[in-house]
Amino acid sequence: MMKLFPRICAVVLIIIGATAICHAQTAYVSDMLILTFRKGPGPGYPVISAIKSDTPLTIIKENNGYLKVELSSGEQGWVDKKYVVTDPPKSIIIERLKKENAALEDKIRVLTEQTDQAAMAQLEKENQTLTQNIETLKSQYAALKTAAANVSDTLEENKRLKTRNASLSGEIAQQKENNGFMFKTGMIKWFLAGVGVLLLGWVIGLSVSSRKGGSGSLLD
C-alpha cells in the first residue's frame, strides 16, 4: 500500500495539471454547422442548445470524450471533443486579419495625411523662398536697368565731349597755323621796317654830306 501511494499522488498531480491546462485553454467549434450543447458528457444527456461553427469555448475539463466548456455568456455544458479544435478557425483568422488590415490602413492614412501636411508645409516654405528670390531679382534687374541708362547717358556725353575735343583740337591747330603765319608776317614787316630805317638813315647821311660839301665851296 505504501508503494502505491507515490503512484497515486503522481496520477493525481497529472490529472490536476491536465485539468488546469484545460481550464486555461480556449477552443473553438470546428467546421460543423451545428454542435449540440448538452448537460452531461454523453449523447444520452439532454441538449441545452445548438452551437454554431467558430463559436469560442473555454474548456473547463474533459470526461469520456466530452469537454465541459463555458460559453462567452457564462453558460456551461458539454460538447463532443472531436468537433472542437484549439486552432482558431479560418473565419476568425480572416476576421482578425481584416481588423489588422483595417488598423494598418488607418495608420497608413494617418501617416499619409501627416506626410502630405509636411510636404505641403515644405512646398509652401519653398514657394515663399522662391517668391523672395524673384522679388530680389526684380530689384536687381531694376537697378541694372537704371545703371545701364546711366552708362548710356555717360557714353553719349563722352561721345559728345570727344567730338567737341576733336573740334577744339582742329581749332587749336588752325590757330597755331594762323599764329605761325602772323609771326612770319610780323617778322617780315619788322625786317622791312628796319631796312627802311637804314635806307632812310643812308639817304639822310648822303644829304647831309652833300650840304656840307656845298657850303665849303661857297666859303672858298
Protein backbone atom coordinates (compact mmCIF):
# COMPACT_ATOMS: atom_id res chain seq x y z
CA MET A 1 0.00 0.00 0.00
CA MET A 2 2.84 2.32 0.80
CA LYS A 3 4.38 1.55 -2.60
CA LEU A 4 1.18 2.52 -4.43
CA PHE A 5 0.87 5.86 -2.61
CA PRO A 6 3.56 7.70 -4.65
CA ARG A 7 1.99 6.44 -7.89
CA ILE A 8 -1.44 7.58 -6.80
CA CYS A 9 -0.03 11.01 -5.92
CA ALA A 10 1.65 11.24 -9.31
CA VAL A 11 -1.57 10.35 -11.12
CA VAL A 12 -3.49 12.91 -9.08
CA LEU A 13 -0.91 15.57 -9.87
CA ILE A 14 -1.09 14.72 -13.57
CA ILE A 15 -4.88 14.92 -13.53
CA ILE A 16 -4.79 18.23 -11.66
CA GLY A 17 -2.22 19.58 -14.10
CA ALA A 18 -4.26 18.44 -17.09
CA THR A 19 -7.37 20.00 -15.57
CA ALA A 20 -5.53 23.27 -15.02
CA ILE A 21 -4.28 23.22 -18.60
CA CYS A 22 -7.75 22.53 -19.95
CA HIS A 23 -9.22 25.29 -17.82
CA ALA A 24 -6.82 27.89 -19.24
CA GLN A 25 -7.25 26.79 -22.85
CA THR A 26 -9.57 28.36 -25.39
CA ALA A 27 -11.06 26.20 -28.13
CA TYR A 28 -13.49 26.66 -31.00
CA VAL A 29 -16.30 24.70 -32.56
CA SER A 30 -14.97 23.12 -35.76
CA ASP A 31 -16.37 23.48 -39.25
CA MET A 32 -19.56 21.60 -38.40
CA LEU A 33 -22.66 23.62 -39.00
CA ILE A 34 -24.22 22.92 -35.60
CA LEU A 35 -22.84 21.26 -32.44
CA THR A 36 -25.12 20.01 -29.63
CA PHE A 37 -24.54 21.60 -26.25
CA ARG A 38 -25.56 19.05 -23.58
CA LYS A 39 -25.99 18.94 -19.82
CA GLY A 40 -23.64 15.97 -19.41
CA PRO A 41 -20.72 14.12 -21.03
CA GLY A 42 -22.59 11.83 -23.42
CA PRO A 43 -25.27 11.60 -26.11
CA GLY A 44 -27.82 10.49 -23.52
CA TYR A 45 -27.85 13.82 -21.73
CA PRO A 46 -30.40 16.46 -22.62
CA VAL A 47 -29.50 19.08 -25.19
CA ILE A 48 -29.31 22.60 -23.84
CA SER A 49 -28.88 24.32 -27.18
CA ALA A 50 -27.06 24.16 -30.50
CA ILE A 51 -23.72 25.93 -31.03
CA LYS A 52 -22.74 27.27 -34.43
CA SER A 53 -19.34 26.85 -36.04
CA ASP A 54 -16.48 29.11 -34.92
CA THR A 55 -18.09 29.73 -31.51
CA PRO A 56 -15.32 30.30 -28.92
CA LEU A 57 -15.36 27.94 -25.92
CA THR A 58 -13.46 27.95 -22.64
CA ILE A 59 -12.51 24.37 -21.74
CA ILE A 60 -13.05 23.51 -18.08
CA LYS A 61 -12.38 19.74 -18.05
CA GLU A 62 -12.61 16.52 -20.08
CA ASN A 63 -14.58 13.31 -19.43
CA ASN A 64 -15.39 10.29 -21.59
CA GLY A 65 -14.54 12.04 -24.90
CA TYR A 66 -16.57 15.07 -23.97
CA LEU A 67 -15.42 18.52 -22.87
CA LYS A 68 -17.07 20.65 -20.26
CA VAL A 69 -16.99 24.16 -21.66
CA GLU A 70 -18.18 27.64 -20.86
CA LEU A 71 -19.65 29.96 -23.42
CA SER A 72 -18.92 33.69 -23.62
CA SER A 73 -22.35 34.19 -21.99
CA GLY A 74 -21.16 32.25 -18.92
CA GLU A 75 -23.37 29.22 -19.60
CA GLN A 76 -21.69 25.83 -19.05
CA GLY A 77 -22.30 22.47 -20.73
CA TRP A 78 -20.73 19.52 -22.55
CA VAL A 79 -19.72 19.11 -26.20
CA ASP A 80 -18.24 16.26 -28.22
CA LYS A 81 -14.44 16.63 -28.15
CA LYS A 82 -13.89 15.53 -31.76
CA TYR A 83 -15.78 18.56 -33.02
CA VAL A 84 -13.70 21.04 -31.04
CA VAL A 85 -10.37 22.43 -32.26
CA THR A 86 -7.82 24.54 -30.43
CA ASP A 87 -6.58 26.35 -33.52
CA PRO A 88 -8.58 29.43 -34.47
CA PRO A 89 -10.87 28.65 -37.44
CA LYS A 90 -10.33 30.27 -40.80
CA SER A 91 -13.27 32.64 -40.47
CA ILE A 92 -11.91 34.03 -37.19
CA ILE A 93 -8.40 34.27 -38.68
CA ILE A 94 -9.85 36.09 -41.70
CA GLU A 95 -11.84 38.41 -39.45
CA ARG A 96 -8.75 39.09 -37.35
CA LEU A 97 -6.72 39.77 -40.48
CA LYS A 98 -9.44 42.11 -41.72
CA LYS A 99 -9.29 44.05 -38.46
CA GLU A 100 -5.49 44.17 -38.59
CA ASN A 101 -5.68 45.26 -42.22
CA ALA A 102 -8.19 47.99 -41.34
CA ALA A 103 -5.93 49.14 -38.49
CA LEU A 104 -2.96 49.21 -40.87
CA GLU A 105 -4.98 51.16 -43.42
CA ASP A 106 -5.90 53.69 -40.74
CA LYS A 107 -2.24 54.01 -39.78
CA ILE A 108 -1.27 54.41 -43.43
CA ARG A 109 -4.00 57.04 -43.91
CA VAL A 110 -2.81 58.96 -40.83
CA LEU A 111 0.81 58.73 -41.95
CA THR A 112 -0.17 59.80 -45.46
CA GLU A 113 -2.06 62.80 -44.12
CA GLN A 114 0.86 63.72 -41.89
CA THR A 115 3.26 63.25 -44.79
CA ASP A 116 1.03 65.32 -47.08
CA GLN A 117 0.82 68.07 -44.47
CA ALA A 118 4.59 68.02 -44.02
CA ALA A 119 5.10 68.01 -47.78
CA MET A 120 2.64 70.90 -48.22
CA ALA A 121 4.38 72.85 -45.48
CA GLN A 122 7.73 72.22 -47.15
CA LEU A 123 6.36 73.24 -50.56
CA GLU A 124 4.84 76.38 -49.10
CA LYS A 125 8.15 77.25 -47.49
CA GLU A 126 9.99 76.67 -50.77
CA ASN A 127 7.37 78.78 -52.58
CA GLN A 128 7.92 81.65 -50.14
CA THR A 129 11.68 81.36 -50.66
CA LEU A 130 11.24 81.42 -54.45
CA THR A 131 8.93 84.44 -54.20
CA GLN A 132 11.53 86.29 -52.13
CA ASN A 133 14.24 85.35 -54.63
CA ILE A 134 12.07 86.60 -57.51
CA GLU A 135 11.48 89.93 -55.75
CA THR A 136 15.21 90.23 -55.10
CA LEU A 137 15.97 89.51 -58.76
CA LYS A 138 13.39 92.10 -59.84
CA SER A 139 15.05 94.71 -57.63
CA GLN A 140 18.47 93.80 -59.01
CA TYR A 141 17.11 93.97 -62.57
CA ALA A 142 15.63 97.42 -61.96
CA ALA A 143 18.96 98.59 -60.51
CA LEU A 144 20.79 97.20 -63.55
CA LYS A 145 18.38 98.98 -65.91
CA THR A 146 18.99 102.26 -64.08
CA ALA A 147 22.74 101.69 -64.16
CA ALA A 148 22.55 100.80 -67.86
CA ALA A 149 20.64 104.02 -68.55
CA ASN A 150 23.26 105.99 -66.65
CA VAL A 151 26.02 104.25 -68.59
CA SER A 152 24.23 105.06 -71.86
CA ASP A 153 23.97 108.73 -70.87
CA THR A 154 27.63 108.69 -69.84
CA LEU A 155 28.63 107.17 -73.18
CA GLU A 156 26.62 109.78 -75.09
CA GLU A 157 28.24 112.56 -73.03
CA ASN A 158 31.65 111.02 -73.61
CA LYS A 159 30.97 110.84 -77.33
CA ARG A 160 29.85 114.48 -77.38
CA LEU A 161 32.94 115.51 -75.42
CA LYS A 162 35.16 113.57 -77.82
CA THR A 163 33.53 115.35 -80.76
CA ARG A 164 33.95 118.67 -79.01
CA ASN A 165 37.54 117.83 -78.18
CA ALA A 166 38.26 116.95 -81.81
CA SER A 167 36.68 120.23 -82.90
CA LEU A 168 38.71 122.17 -80.36
CA SER A 169 41.86 120.32 -81.44
CA GLY A 170 41.16 121.38 -85.05
CA GLU A 171 40.59 124.95 -83.96
CA ILE A 172 43.80 124.94 -81.92
CA ALA A 173 45.76 123.56 -84.85
CA GLN A 174 44.28 126.21 -87.13
CA GLN A 175 45.05 128.87 -84.56
CA LYS A 176 48.61 127.62 -84.30
CA GLU A 177 48.91 127.71 -88.06
CA ASN A 178 47.48 131.23 -88.14
CA ASN A 179 49.80 132.32 -85.34
CA GLY A 180 52.77 130.93 -87.25
CA PHE A 181 51.75 132.81 -90.38
CA MET A 182 51.19 136.02 -88.43
CA PHE A 183 54.56 135.58 -86.75
CA LYS A 184 56.26 135.22 -90.11
CA THR A 185 54.36 138.19 -91.47
CA GLY A 186 55.37 140.26 -88.44
CA MET A 187 58.97 139.27 -88.83
CA ILE A 188 58.89 140.37 -92.47
CA LYS A 189 57.26 143.65 -91.53
CA TRP A 190 59.89 144.30 -88.87
CA PHE A 191 62.63 143.36 -91.31
CA LEU A 192 61.27 145.72 -93.93
CA ALA A 193 60.86 148.46 -91.35
CA GLY A 194 64.49 148.01 -90.30
CA VAL A 195 65.64 148.11 -93.91
CA GLY A 196 63.57 151.24 -94.45
CA VAL A 197 65.12 152.89 -91.42
CA LEU A 198 68.59 152.02 -92.66
CA LEU A 199 67.81 153.36 -96.12
CA LEU A 200 66.36 156.48 -94.62
CA GLY A 201 69.47 156.98 -92.50
CA TRP A 202 71.67 156.39 -95.51
CA VAL A 203 69.71 158.92 -97.57
CA ILE A 204 69.81 161.47 -94.76
CA GLY A 205 73.54 160.90 -94.42
CA LEU A 206 74.10 161.48 -98.10
CA SER A 207 72.00 164.61 -97.97
CA VAL A 208 73.90 165.99 -95.04
CA SER A 209 77.22 165.22 -96.69
CA SER A 210 76.24 166.91 -99.90
CA ARG A 211 75.10 170.00 -97.99
CA LYS A 212 78.39 170.16 -96.14
CA GLY A 213 80.24 169.93 -99.44
CA GLY A 214 78.22 172.78 -100.97
CA SER A 215 78.78 175.08 -98.03
CA GLY A 216 82.52 174.52 -98.19
CA SER A 217 82.72 175.50 -101.83
CA LEU A 218 80.87 178.74 -101.14
CA LEU A 219 83.26 179.67 -98.38
CA ASP A 220 86.27 179.31 -100.71
